[in-house]
């Protein structure tokens, strides 16, 4: 947020497109919390690129101020896409 406030204090550029990708996952998986058992399922994603959203998402600076919500949503979508 500080970057945008310093570069554009009058908010001429308030809206932007956002997407996130993961690559090089190999046999790794995304988990929300470590399991106590010590064993984990292995993924088979090789070198494919996995994107969170089908199309870039329109967000504003207010959305960036609440980044926990955006990060949580992207991680949820990554987990869903990596299950298949």
PDB file of N, CA and C in Angstrom:
ATOM      1  N   UNK A   1       0.812  -1.188   0.000  1.00  0.00           N
ATOM      2  CA  UNK A   1       0.000   0.000   0.000  1.00  0.00           C
ATOM      3  C   UNK A   1       0.858   1.255   0.000  1.00  0.00           C
ATOM      4  N   UNK A   2       1.925   1.247   0.747  1.00  0.00           N
ATOM      5  CA  UNK A   2       2.773   2.431   0.830  1.00  0.00           C
ATOM      6  C   UNK A   2       3.344   2.792  -0.535  1.00  0.00           C
ATOM      7  N   UNK A   3       3.652   1.793  -1.347  1.00  0.00           N
ATOM      8  CA  UNK A   3       4.178   2.043  -2.690  1.00  0.00           C
ATOM      9  C   UNK A   3       3.161   2.845  -3.502  1.00  0.00           C
ATOM     10  N   UNK A   4       1.911   2.411  -3.509  1.00  0.00           N
ATOM     11  CA  UNK A   4       0.886   3.096  -4.296  1.00  0.00           C
ATOM     12  C   UNK A   4       0.591   4.482  -3.738  1.00  0.00           C
ATOM     13  N   UNK A   5       0.579   4.618  -2.433  1.00  0.00           N
ATOM     14  CA  UNK A   5       0.324   5.930  -1.826  1.00  0.00           C
ATOM     15  C   UNK A   5       1.434   6.919  -2.183  1.00  0.00           C
ATOM     16  N   UNK A   6       2.666   6.455  -2.225  1.00  0.00           N
ATOM     17  CA  UNK A   6       3.790   7.332  -2.563  1.00  0.00           C
ATOM     18  C   UNK A   6       3.789   7.701  -4.044  1.00  0.00           C
ATOM     19  N   UNK A   7       3.458   6.752  -4.908  1.00  0.00           N
ATOM     20  CA  UNK A   7       3.501   6.982  -6.357  1.00  0.00           C
ATOM     21  C   UNK A   7       2.246   7.638  -6.913  1.00  0.00           C
ATOM     22  N   UNK A   8       1.113   7.393  -6.277  1.00  0.00           N
ATOM     23  CA  UNK A   8      -0.157   7.892  -6.798  1.00  0.00           C
ATOM     24  C   UNK A   8      -1.071   8.320  -5.649  1.00  0.00           C
ATOM     25  N   UNK A   9      -0.760   9.423  -4.968  1.00  0.00           N
ATOM     26  CA  UNK A   9      -1.552   9.833  -3.801  1.00  0.00           C
ATOM     27  C   UNK A   9      -2.989  10.238  -4.142  1.00  0.00           C
ATOM     28  N   UNK A  10      -3.264  10.577  -5.393  1.00  0.00           N
ATOM     29  CA  UNK A  10      -4.607  11.012  -5.781  1.00  0.00           C
ATOM     30  C   UNK A  10      -5.467   9.860  -6.292  1.00  0.00           C
ATOM     31  N   UNK A  11      -4.946   8.659  -6.224  1.00  0.00           N
ATOM     32  CA  UNK A  11      -5.666   7.425  -6.585  1.00  0.00           C
ATOM     33  C   UNK A  11      -6.221   7.450  -8.012  1.00  0.00           C
ATOM     34  N   UNK A  12      -5.401   7.912  -8.946  1.00  0.00           N
ATOM     35  CA  UNK A  12      -5.811   7.865 -10.346  1.00  0.00           C
ATOM     36  C   UNK A  12      -5.825   6.424 -10.838  1.00  0.00           C
ATOM     37  N   UNK A  13      -4.955   5.598 -10.261  1.00  0.00           N
ATOM     38  CA  UNK A  13      -4.874   4.197 -10.642  1.00  0.00           C
ATOM     39  C   UNK A  13      -5.294   3.348  -9.444  1.00  0.00           C
ATOM     40  N   UNK A  14      -6.580   3.293  -9.207  1.00  0.00           N
ATOM     41  CA  UNK A  14      -7.098   2.588  -8.033  1.00  0.00           C
ATOM     42  C   UNK A  14      -7.442   1.140  -8.345  1.00  0.00           C
ATOM     43  N   UNK A  15      -7.789   0.846  -9.576  1.00  0.00           N
ATOM     44  CA  UNK A  15      -8.187  -0.514  -9.946  1.00  0.00           C
ATOM     45  C   UNK A  15      -7.056  -1.200 -10.692  1.00  0.00           C
ATOM     46  N   UNK A  16      -6.904  -2.494 -10.444  1.00  0.00           N
ATOM     47  CA  UNK A  16      -5.862  -3.264 -11.132  1.00  0.00           C
ATOM     48  C   UNK A  16      -6.310  -4.713 -11.261  1.00  0.00           C
ATOM     49  N   UNK A  17      -5.692  -5.417 -12.188  1.00  0.00           N
ATOM     50  CA  UNK A  17      -5.973  -6.835 -12.374  1.00  0.00           C
ATOM     51  C   UNK A  17      -4.969  -7.658 -11.589  1.00  0.00           C
ATOM     52  N   UNK A  18      -5.452  -8.762 -11.013  1.00  0.00           N
ATOM     53  CA  UNK A  18      -4.628  -9.573 -10.124  1.00  0.00           C
ATOM     54  C   UNK A  18      -4.851 -11.051 -10.421  1.00  0.00           C
ATOM     55  N   UNK A  19      -3.787 -11.814 -10.408  1.00  0.00           N
ATOM     56  CA  UNK A  19      -3.850 -13.263 -10.489  1.00  0.00           C
ATOM     57  C   UNK A  19      -2.589 -13.792  -9.825  1.00  0.00           C
ATOM     58  N   UNK A  20      -2.583 -15.053  -9.501  1.00  0.00           N
ATOM     59  CA  UNK A  20      -1.417 -15.670  -8.870  1.00  0.00           C
ATOM     60  C   UNK A  20      -1.193 -17.033  -9.493  1.00  0.00           C
ATOM     61  N   UNK A  21       0.073 -17.455  -9.555  1.00  0.00           N
ATOM     62  CA  UNK A  21       0.422 -18.744 -10.152  1.00  0.00           C
ATOM     63  C   UNK A  21       1.460 -19.456  -9.306  1.00  0.00           C
ATOM     64  N   UNK A  22       1.457 -20.774  -9.414  1.00  0.00           N
ATOM     65  CA  UNK A  22       2.486 -21.608  -8.807  1.00  0.00           C
ATOM     66  C   UNK A  22       3.107 -22.444  -9.909  1.00  0.00           C
ATOM     67  N   UNK A  23       4.410 -22.633  -9.856  1.00  0.00           N
ATOM     68  CA  UNK A  23       5.056 -23.502 -10.831  1.00  0.00           C
ATOM     69  C   UNK A  23       6.158 -24.289 -10.136  1.00  0.00           C
ATOM     70  N   UNK A  24       6.562 -25.375 -10.763  1.00  0.00           N
ATOM     71  CA  UNK A  24       7.633 -26.194 -10.223  1.00  0.00           C
ATOM     72  C   UNK A  24       7.258 -26.914  -8.943  1.00  0.00           C
ATOM     73  N   UNK A  25       5.986 -27.283  -8.801  1.00  0.00           N
ATOM     74  CA  UNK A  25       5.542 -27.950  -7.578  1.00  0.00           C
ATOM     75  C   UNK A  25       6.095 -29.367  -7.444  1.00  0.00           C
ATOM     76  N   UNK A  26       6.262 -30.029  -8.568  1.00  0.00           N
ATOM     77  CA  UNK A  26       6.760 -31.401  -8.506  1.00  0.00           C
ATOM     78  C   UNK A  26       5.810 -32.286  -7.722  1.00  0.00           C
ATOM     79  N   UNK A  27       6.321 -32.921  -6.677  1.00  0.00           N
ATOM     80  CA  UNK A  27       5.499 -33.822  -5.869  1.00  0.00           C
ATOM     81  C   UNK A  27       4.985 -33.160  -4.594  1.00  0.00           C
ATOM     82  N   UNK A  28       5.149 -31.845  -4.470  1.00  0.00           N
ATOM     83  CA  UNK A  28       4.701 -31.132  -3.271  1.00  0.00           C
ATOM     84  C   UNK A  28       3.202 -30.844  -3.325  1.00  0.00           C
ATOM     85  N   UNK A  29       2.606 -30.669  -2.162  1.00  0.00           N
ATOM     86  CA  UNK A  29       1.198 -30.281  -2.071  1.00  0.00           C
ATOM     87  C   UNK A  29       1.075 -29.106  -1.110  1.00  0.00           C
ATOM     88  N   UNK A  30      -0.038 -28.390  -1.207  1.00  0.00           N
ATOM     89  CA  UNK A  30      -0.329 -27.302  -0.277  1.00  0.00           C
ATOM     90  C   UNK A  30      -1.208 -27.849   0.841  1.00  0.00           C
ATOM     91  N   UNK A  31      -0.816 -27.601   2.076  1.00  0.00           N
ATOM     92  CA  UNK A  31      -1.614 -28.024   3.217  1.00  0.00           C
ATOM     93  C   UNK A  31      -1.845 -26.823   4.123  1.00  0.00           C
ATOM     94  N   UNK A  32      -2.974 -26.830   4.821  1.00  0.00           N
ATOM     95  CA  UNK A  32      -3.270 -25.690   5.686  1.00  0.00           C
ATOM     96  C   UNK A  32      -2.497 -25.775   6.997  1.00  0.00           C
ATOM     97  N   UNK A  33      -2.359 -26.981   7.546  1.00  0.00           N
ATOM     98  CA  UNK A  33      -1.605 -27.161   8.788  1.00  0.00           C
ATOM     99  C   UNK A  33      -0.890 -28.503   8.747  1.00  0.00           C
ATOM    100  N   UNK A  34       0.299 -28.606   9.315  1.00  0.00           N
ATOM    101  CA  UNK A  34       1.014 -29.886   9.335  1.00  0.00           C
ATOM    102  C   UNK A  34       0.228 -30.951  10.093  1.00  0.00           C
ATOM    103  N   UNK A  35       0.287 -32.171   9.607  1.00  0.00           N
ATOM    104  CA  UNK A  35      -0.397 -33.278  10.276  1.00  0.00           C
ATOM    105  C   UNK A  35       0.503 -33.871  11.346  1.00  0.00           C
ATOM    106  N   UNK A  36      -0.121 -34.463  12.335  1.00  0.00           N
ATOM    107  CA  UNK A  36       0.633 -35.083  13.421  1.00  0.00           C
ATOM    108  C   UNK A  36       1.208 -36.434  13.013  1.00  0.00           C
ATOM    109  N   UNK A  37       0.618 -37.078  12.003  1.00  0.00           N
ATOM    110  CA  UNK A  37       1.039 -38.428  11.632  1.00  0.00           C
ATOM    111  C   UNK A  37       2.425 -38.473  10.993  1.00  0.00           C
ATOM    112  N   UNK A  38       2.822 -37.415  10.352  1.00  0.00           N
ATOM    113  CA  UNK A  38       4.135 -37.390   9.726  1.00  0.00           C
ATOM    114  C   UNK A  38       4.131 -37.822   8.271  1.00  0.00           C
ATOM    115  N   UNK A  39       3.050 -38.410   7.761  1.00  0.00           N
ATOM    116  CA  UNK A  39       2.997 -38.791   6.353  1.00  0.00           C
ATOM    117  C   UNK A  39       2.083 -37.825   5.603  1.00  0.00           C
ATOM    118  N   UNK A  40       2.432 -37.557   4.357  1.00  0.00           N
ATOM    119  CA  UNK A  40       1.697 -36.611   3.538  1.00  0.00           C
ATOM    120  C   UNK A  40       1.445 -37.229   2.175  1.00  0.00           C
ATOM    121  N   UNK A  41       0.312 -36.897   1.557  1.00  0.00           N
ATOM    122  CA  UNK A  41       0.097 -37.384   0.186  1.00  0.00           C
ATOM    123  C   UNK A  41       1.028 -36.646  -0.769  1.00  0.00           C
ATOM    124  N   UNK A  42       1.465 -37.327  -1.796  1.00  0.00           N
ATOM    125  CA  UNK A  42       2.360 -36.717  -2.776  1.00  0.00           C
ATOM    126  C   UNK A  42       1.556 -36.307  -4.002  1.00  0.00           C
ATOM    127  N   UNK A  43       1.784 -35.115  -4.476  1.00  0.00           N
ATOM    128  CA  UNK A  43       1.146 -34.653  -5.696  1.00  0.00           C
ATOM    129  C   UNK A  43       1.941 -35.138  -6.896  1.00  0.00           C
ATOM    130  N   UNK A  44       1.372 -34.986  -8.056  1.00  0.00           N
ATOM    131  CA  UNK A  44       2.092 -35.357  -9.281  1.00  0.00           C
ATOM    132  C   UNK A  44       1.908 -34.259 -10.316  1.00  0.00           C
ATOM    133  N   UNK A  45       2.322 -33.066  -9.963  1.00  0.00           N
ATOM    134  CA  UNK A  45       2.068 -31.898 -10.800  1.00  0.00           C
ATOM    135  C   UNK A  45       3.222 -31.560 -11.731  1.00  0.00           C
ATOM    136  N   UNK A  46       4.323 -32.222 -11.557  1.00  0.00           N
ATOM    137  CA  UNK A  46       5.510 -32.022 -12.389  1.00  0.00           C
ATOM    138  C   UNK A  46       5.839 -30.531 -12.521  1.00  0.00           C
ATOM    139  N   UNK A  47       5.978 -30.042 -13.739  1.00  0.00           N
ATOM    140  CA  UNK A  47       6.367 -28.647 -13.946  1.00  0.00           C
ATOM    141  C   UNK A  47       5.225 -27.785 -14.474  1.00  0.00           C
ATOM    142  N   UNK A  48       3.993 -28.258 -14.342  1.00  0.00           N
ATOM    143  CA  UNK A  48       2.878 -27.467 -14.843  1.00  0.00           C
ATOM    144  C   UNK A  48       2.704 -26.190 -14.024  1.00  0.00           C
ATOM    145  N   UNK A  49       2.130 -25.171 -14.647  1.00  0.00           N
ATOM    146  CA  UNK A  49       1.840 -23.915 -13.966  1.00  0.00           C
ATOM    147  C   UNK A  49       0.378 -23.939 -13.550  1.00  0.00           C
ATOM    148  N   UNK A  50       0.121 -23.690 -12.277  1.00  0.00           N
ATOM    149  CA  UNK A  50      -1.234 -23.701 -11.734  1.00  0.00           C
ATOM    150  C   UNK A  50      -1.599 -22.264 -11.380  1.00  0.00           C
ATOM    151  N   UNK A  51      -2.697 -21.759 -11.964  1.00  0.00           N
ATOM    152  CA  UNK A  51      -3.140 -20.402 -11.656  1.00  0.00           C
ATOM    153  C   UNK A  51      -4.332 -20.459 -10.705  1.00  0.00           C
ATOM    154  N   UNK A  52      -4.457 -19.445  -9.896  1.00  0.00           N
ATOM    155  CA  UNK A  52      -5.548 -19.401  -8.926  1.00  0.00           C
ATOM    156  C   UNK A  52      -6.879 -19.102  -9.608  1.00  0.00           C
ATOM    157  N   UNK A  53      -6.901 -18.128 -10.474  1.00  0.00           N
ATOM    158  CA  UNK A  53      -8.147 -17.685 -11.104  1.00  0.00           C
ATOM    159  C   UNK A  53      -8.091 -17.962 -12.601  1.00  0.00           C
ATOM    160  N   UNK A  54      -9.240 -18.289 -13.196  1.00  0.00           N
ATOM    161  CA  UNK A  54      -9.283 -18.522 -14.641  1.00  0.00           C
ATOM    162  C   UNK A  54      -8.969 -17.250 -15.417  1.00  0.00           C
ATOM    163  N   UNK A  55      -9.516 -16.142 -14.940  1.00  0.00           N
ATOM    164  CA  UNK A  55      -9.228 -14.843 -15.533  1.00  0.00           C
ATOM    165  C   UNK A  55      -8.733 -13.919 -14.433  1.00  0.00           C
ATOM    166  N   UNK A  56      -7.874 -12.951 -14.753  1.00  0.00           N
ATOM    167  CA  UNK A  56      -7.416 -12.023 -13.714  1.00  0.00           C
ATOM    168  C   UNK A  56      -8.589 -11.357 -13.009  1.00  0.00           C
ATOM    169  N   UNK A  57      -8.406 -11.123 -11.748  1.00  0.00           N
ATOM    170  CA  UNK A  57      -9.454 -10.575 -10.889  1.00  0.00           C
ATOM    171  C   UNK A  57      -9.240  -9.073 -10.721  1.00  0.00           C
ATOM    172  N   UNK A  58     -10.312  -8.306 -10.809  1.00  0.00           N
ATOM    173  CA  UNK A  58     -10.244  -6.856 -10.637  1.00  0.00           C
ATOM    174  C   UNK A  58     -10.270  -6.541  -9.142  1.00  0.00           C
ATOM    175  N   UNK A  59      -9.235  -5.852  -8.668  1.00  0.00           N
ATOM    176  CA  UNK A  59      -9.173  -5.458  -7.262  1.00  0.00           C
ATOM    177  C   UNK A  59      -8.852  -3.969  -7.167  1.00  0.00           C
ATOM    178  N   UNK A  60      -9.070  -3.421  -5.995  1.00  0.00           N
ATOM    179  CA  UNK A  60      -8.771  -2.009  -5.741  1.00  0.00           C
ATOM    180  C   UNK A  60      -7.750  -1.913  -4.610  1.00  0.00           C
ATOM    181  N   UNK A  61      -7.350  -0.714  -4.304  1.00  0.00           N
ATOM    182  CA  UNK A  61      -6.418  -0.521  -3.192  1.00  0.00           C
ATOM    183  C   UNK A  61      -7.040  -0.937  -1.866  1.00  0.00           C
ATOM    184  N   UNK A  62      -8.343  -0.769  -1.742  1.00  0.00           N
ATOM    185  CA  UNK A  62      -9.019  -1.207  -0.516  1.00  0.00           C
ATOM    186  C   UNK A  62      -8.903  -2.719  -0.348  1.00  0.00           C
ATOM    187  N   UNK A  63      -8.961  -3.461  -1.466  1.00  0.00           N
ATOM    188  CA  UNK A  63      -8.775  -4.908  -1.414  1.00  0.00           C
ATOM    189  C   UNK A  63      -7.348  -5.248  -0.969  1.00  0.00           C
ATOM    190  N   UNK A  64      -6.387  -4.477  -1.437  1.00  0.00           N
ATOM    191  CA  UNK A  64      -4.997  -4.716  -1.042  1.00  0.00           C
ATOM    192  C   UNK A  64      -4.779  -4.436   0.441  1.00  0.00           C
ATOM    193  N   UNK A  65      -5.536  -3.495   0.974  1.00  0.00           N
ATOM    194  CA  UNK A  65      -5.405  -3.187   2.397  1.00  0.00           C
ATOM    195  C   UNK A  65      -5.857  -4.369   3.251  1.00  0.00           C
ATOM    196  N   UNK A  66      -6.763  -5.190   2.719  1.00  0.00           N
ATOM    197  CA  UNK A  66      -7.221  -6.399   3.411  1.00  0.00           C
ATOM    198  C   UNK A  66      -6.602  -7.612   2.726  1.00  0.00           C
ATOM    199  N   UNK A  67      -5.294  -7.660   2.632  1.00  0.00           N
ATOM    200  CA  UNK A  67      -4.617  -8.695   1.852  1.00  0.00           C
ATOM    201  C   UNK A  67      -4.841 -10.099   2.402  1.00  0.00           C
ATOM    202  N   UNK A  68      -5.156 -10.236   3.700  1.00  0.00           N
ATOM    203  CA  UNK A  68      -5.390 -11.575   4.258  1.00  0.00           C
ATOM    204  C   UNK A  68      -6.544 -12.253   3.535  1.00  0.00           C
ATOM    205  N   UNK A  69      -7.562 -11.501   3.195  1.00  0.00           N
ATOM    206  CA  UNK A  69      -8.726 -12.050   2.513  1.00  0.00           C
ATOM    207  C   UNK A  69      -8.331 -12.535   1.118  1.00  0.00           C
ATOM    208  N   UNK A  70      -7.570 -11.715   0.390  1.00  0.00           N
ATOM    209  CA  UNK A  70      -7.150 -12.086  -0.957  1.00  0.00           C
ATOM    210  C   UNK A  70      -6.226 -13.295  -0.944  1.00  0.00           C
ATOM    211  N   UNK A  71      -5.289 -13.330  -0.031  1.00  0.00           N
ATOM    212  CA  UNK A  71      -4.352 -14.452   0.055  1.00  0.00           C
ATOM    213  C   UNK A  71      -5.088 -15.731   0.428  1.00  0.00           C
ATOM    214  N   UNK A  72      -5.999 -15.651   1.366  1.00  0.00           N
ATOM    215  CA  UNK A  72      -6.774 -16.821   1.777  1.00  0.00           C
ATOM    216  C   UNK A  72      -7.607 -17.361   0.617  1.00  0.00           C
ATOM    217  N   UNK A  73      -8.227 -16.478  -0.148  1.00  0.00           N
ATOM    218  CA  UNK A  73      -9.032 -16.910  -1.297  1.00  0.00           C
ATOM    219  C   UNK A  73      -8.158 -17.581  -2.356  1.00  0.00           C
ATOM    220  N   UNK A  74      -7.004 -17.007  -2.647  1.00  0.00           N
ATOM    221  CA  UNK A  74      -6.105 -17.597  -3.645  1.00  0.00           C
ATOM    222  C   UNK A  74      -5.605 -18.964  -3.182  1.00  0.00           C
ATOM    223  N   UNK A  75      -5.233 -19.100  -1.915  1.00  0.00           N
ATOM    224  CA  UNK A  75      -4.769 -20.391  -1.407  1.00  0.00           C
ATOM    225  C   UNK A  75      -5.863 -21.447  -1.459  1.00  0.00           C
ATOM    226  N   UNK A  76      -7.097 -21.056  -1.173  1.00  0.00           N
ATOM    227  CA  UNK A  76      -8.222 -21.994  -1.260  1.00  0.00           C
ATOM    228  C   UNK A  76      -8.383 -22.503  -2.688  1.00  0.00           C
ATOM    229  N   UNK A  77      -8.302 -21.596  -3.656  1.00  0.00           N
ATOM    230  CA  UNK A  77      -8.422 -22.005  -5.053  1.00  0.00           C
ATOM    231  C   UNK A  77      -7.247 -22.876  -5.489  1.00  0.00           C
ATOM    232  N   UNK A  78      -6.040 -22.554  -5.030  1.00  0.00           N
ATOM    233  CA  UNK A  78      -4.892 -23.407  -5.347  1.00  0.00           C
ATOM    234  C   UNK A  78      -5.097 -24.814  -4.827  1.00  0.00           C
ATOM    235  N   UNK A  79      -5.550 -24.942  -3.577  1.00  0.00           N
ATOM    236  CA  UNK A  79      -5.779 -26.262  -2.993  1.00  0.00           C
ATOM    237  C   UNK A  79      -6.804 -27.048  -3.793  1.00  0.00           C
ATOM    238  N   UNK A  80      -7.867 -26.390  -4.210  1.00  0.00           N
ATOM    239  CA  UNK A  80      -8.903 -27.063  -5.017  1.00  0.00           C
ATOM    240  C   UNK A  80      -8.348 -27.549  -6.338  1.00  0.00           C
ATOM    241  N   UNK A  81      -7.573 -26.711  -6.985  1.00  0.00           N
ATOM    242  CA  UNK A  81      -7.027 -27.075  -8.308  1.00  0.00           C
ATOM    243  C   UNK A  81      -5.962 -28.152  -8.200  1.00  0.00           C
ATOM    244  N   UNK A  82      -5.268 -28.193  -7.108  1.00  0.00           N
ATOM    245  CA  UNK A  82      -4.208 -29.190  -6.956  1.00  0.00           C
ATOM    246  C   UNK A  82      -4.743 -30.564  -6.545  1.00  0.00           C
ATOM    247  N   UNK A  83      -5.986 -30.650  -6.111  1.00  0.00           N
ATOM    248  CA  UNK A  83      -6.571 -31.940  -5.746  1.00  0.00           C
ATOM    249  C   UNK A  83      -6.883 -32.782  -6.973  1.00  0.00           C
ATOM    250  N   UNK A  84      -7.066 -32.147  -8.123  1.00  0.00           N
ATOM    251  CA  UNK A  84      -7.427 -32.905  -9.325  1.00  0.00           C
ATOM    252  C   UNK A  84      -6.223 -33.389 -10.067  1.00  0.00           C
TER     253      UNK A  84
END
